[in-house]
Amino acid sequence: MALPSELVPTTCDVFRPFGAGSATYTNVPCRLVADFPRGRSVAATPEWTHYLVLGPTADVRDGCTRTAGSSAIVYADGDEVRIPAGAATPRFVVVWVETVEPGTPREFKRAYLARHAA
């Protein structure tokens, strides 16, 4: 199901891997939301600064992994997104991607982002 247009007022370009010379996907419908207060960890270091609301079929990937036998998550650069599409800035790295309300007509993806300093 496509998200209503009022929920995705802009588009982004997705670069894989982060820093790639050309976009893997262009003009992906999305909505950027600033979320700095919720993105701070216990150490007050920001884990994310914004998130994107995307359709359920959007191919946006994070770089998080976990080693077997460990509960620690290792953060690495996921995809790069540029908002609005075609712009050189601002640039974001994808920290984490989750599917919200899977299997329902309201399913969508939320991609947590960290703003990249140029």
Protein backbone atom coordinates (compact mmCIF):
# COMPACT_ATOMS: atom_id res chain seq x y z
CA MET A 1 0.00 0.00 0.00
CA ALA A 2 1.34 3.44 -0.86
CA LEU A 3 1.55 6.01 1.91
CA PRO A 4 -0.78 9.01 1.56
CA SER A 5 0.96 11.91 -0.17
CA GLU A 6 0.51 14.21 2.84
CA LEU A 7 2.73 11.84 4.85
CA VAL A 8 5.54 11.86 2.29
CA PRO A 9 5.93 15.50 1.25
CA THR A 10 9.47 15.18 -0.15
CA THR A 11 11.82 12.68 -1.74
CA CYS A 12 15.32 11.41 -1.05
CA ASP A 13 18.11 9.74 -2.96
CA VAL A 14 19.69 6.58 -1.51
CA PHE A 15 23.41 5.91 -1.98
CA ARG A 16 24.87 2.46 -1.32
CA PRO A 17 27.42 2.27 0.17
CA PHE A 18 27.65 5.53 2.10
CA GLY A 19 29.62 8.01 0.02
CA ALA A 20 28.98 6.27 -3.32
CA GLY A 21 29.43 8.47 -6.38
CA SER A 22 25.95 7.86 -7.76
CA ALA A 23 22.55 7.13 -6.25
CA THR A 24 21.27 3.56 -6.02
CA TYR A 25 17.67 4.84 -5.86
CA THR A 26 16.39 8.31 -6.71
CA ASN A 27 13.25 10.25 -5.82
CA VAL A 28 12.16 7.87 -3.05
CA PRO A 29 9.02 9.36 -1.40
CA CYS A 30 9.68 10.15 2.26
CA ARG A 31 9.04 12.43 5.21
CA LEU A 32 11.96 13.75 7.27
CA VAL A 33 11.33 14.26 11.00
CA ALA A 34 13.80 15.93 13.39
CA ASP A 35 14.15 13.71 16.48
CA PHE A 36 17.32 14.81 18.28
CA PRO A 37 15.96 14.66 21.87
CA ARG A 38 14.86 11.01 21.55
CA GLY A 39 18.05 10.06 19.69
CA ARG A 40 20.40 10.62 22.62
CA SER A 41 21.83 7.55 24.33
CA VAL A 42 22.56 7.12 28.03
CA ALA A 43 25.95 8.79 27.48
CA ALA A 44 24.12 11.80 25.96
CA THR A 45 25.77 11.06 22.63
CA PRO A 46 23.33 11.25 19.74
CA GLU A 47 22.63 7.88 18.14
CA TRP A 48 20.32 9.51 15.61
CA THR A 49 19.22 13.04 14.85
CA HIS A 50 16.29 12.49 12.48
CA TYR A 51 14.15 9.73 11.06
CA LEU A 52 12.53 9.08 7.71
CA VAL A 53 9.06 7.71 7.13
CA LEU A 54 9.12 5.54 4.00
CA GLY A 55 6.81 3.20 2.14
CA PRO A 56 7.03 -0.51 3.03
CA THR A 57 8.89 -1.43 -0.16
CA ALA A 58 11.61 1.23 0.09
CA ASP A 59 15.06 -0.39 -0.01
CA VAL A 60 17.00 1.52 2.65
CA ARG A 61 19.55 -0.40 4.74
CA ASP A 62 21.35 0.14 8.01
CA GLY A 63 24.86 -1.10 8.82
CA CYS A 64 24.25 -2.57 12.29
CA THR A 65 25.53 -6.02 13.18
CA ARG A 66 25.84 -8.22 16.23
CA THR A 67 28.43 -10.92 16.89
CA ALA A 68 27.13 -14.34 17.95
CA GLY A 69 27.21 -14.73 21.71
CA SER A 70 27.25 -10.99 22.33
CA SER A 71 24.42 -8.61 23.09
CA ALA A 72 26.39 -5.57 21.88
CA ILE A 73 25.30 -3.92 18.64
CA VAL A 74 28.08 -2.66 16.40
CA TYR A 75 27.13 0.44 14.43
CA ALA A 76 28.61 0.94 10.99
CA ASP A 77 27.70 3.18 8.11
CA GLY A 78 24.49 2.11 6.45
CA ASP A 79 23.13 3.73 3.31
CA GLU A 80 23.49 7.45 2.73
CA VAL A 81 20.37 9.47 2.06
CA ARG A 82 20.24 12.97 0.64
CA ILE A 83 17.18 15.11 1.24
CA PRO A 84 15.68 16.54 -0.86
CA ALA A 85 16.45 14.27 -3.78
CA GLY A 86 19.23 15.57 -5.99
CA ALA A 87 20.67 17.91 -3.36
CA ALA A 88 24.29 17.79 -2.31
CA THR A 89 23.28 18.56 1.29
CA PRO A 90 22.01 17.67 3.80
CA ARG A 91 23.44 14.16 3.94
CA PHE A 92 22.50 11.50 6.47
CA VAL A 93 23.77 8.02 7.35
CA VAL A 94 21.17 5.33 8.04
CA VAL A 95 21.66 4.07 11.61
CA TRP A 96 18.72 1.70 11.99
CA VAL A 97 15.69 0.64 9.94
CA GLU A 98 12.50 -0.82 11.36
CA THR A 99 9.24 -1.98 9.84
CA VAL A 100 6.23 -0.52 11.62
CA GLU A 101 2.89 -2.37 11.75
CA PRO A 102 4.09 -5.24 9.53
CA GLY A 103 1.48 -7.21 7.65
CA THR A 104 -1.20 -4.53 8.02
CA PRO A 105 -2.52 -2.04 5.47
CA ARG A 106 -0.71 0.67 7.48
CA GLU A 107 2.75 -0.94 7.18
CA PHE A 108 5.66 1.47 6.64
CA LYS A 109 9.38 1.76 7.35
CA ARG A 110 11.09 4.12 9.74
CA ALA A 111 14.79 4.78 9.10
CA TYR A 112 16.74 6.43 11.91
CA LEU A 113 19.41 8.81 10.61
CA ALA A 114 22.48 10.66 11.84
CA ARG A 115 23.28 13.93 10.11
CA HIS A 116 26.61 13.77 8.32
CA ALA A 117 28.94 16.72 8.77
CA ALA A 118 30.37 17.68 5.40
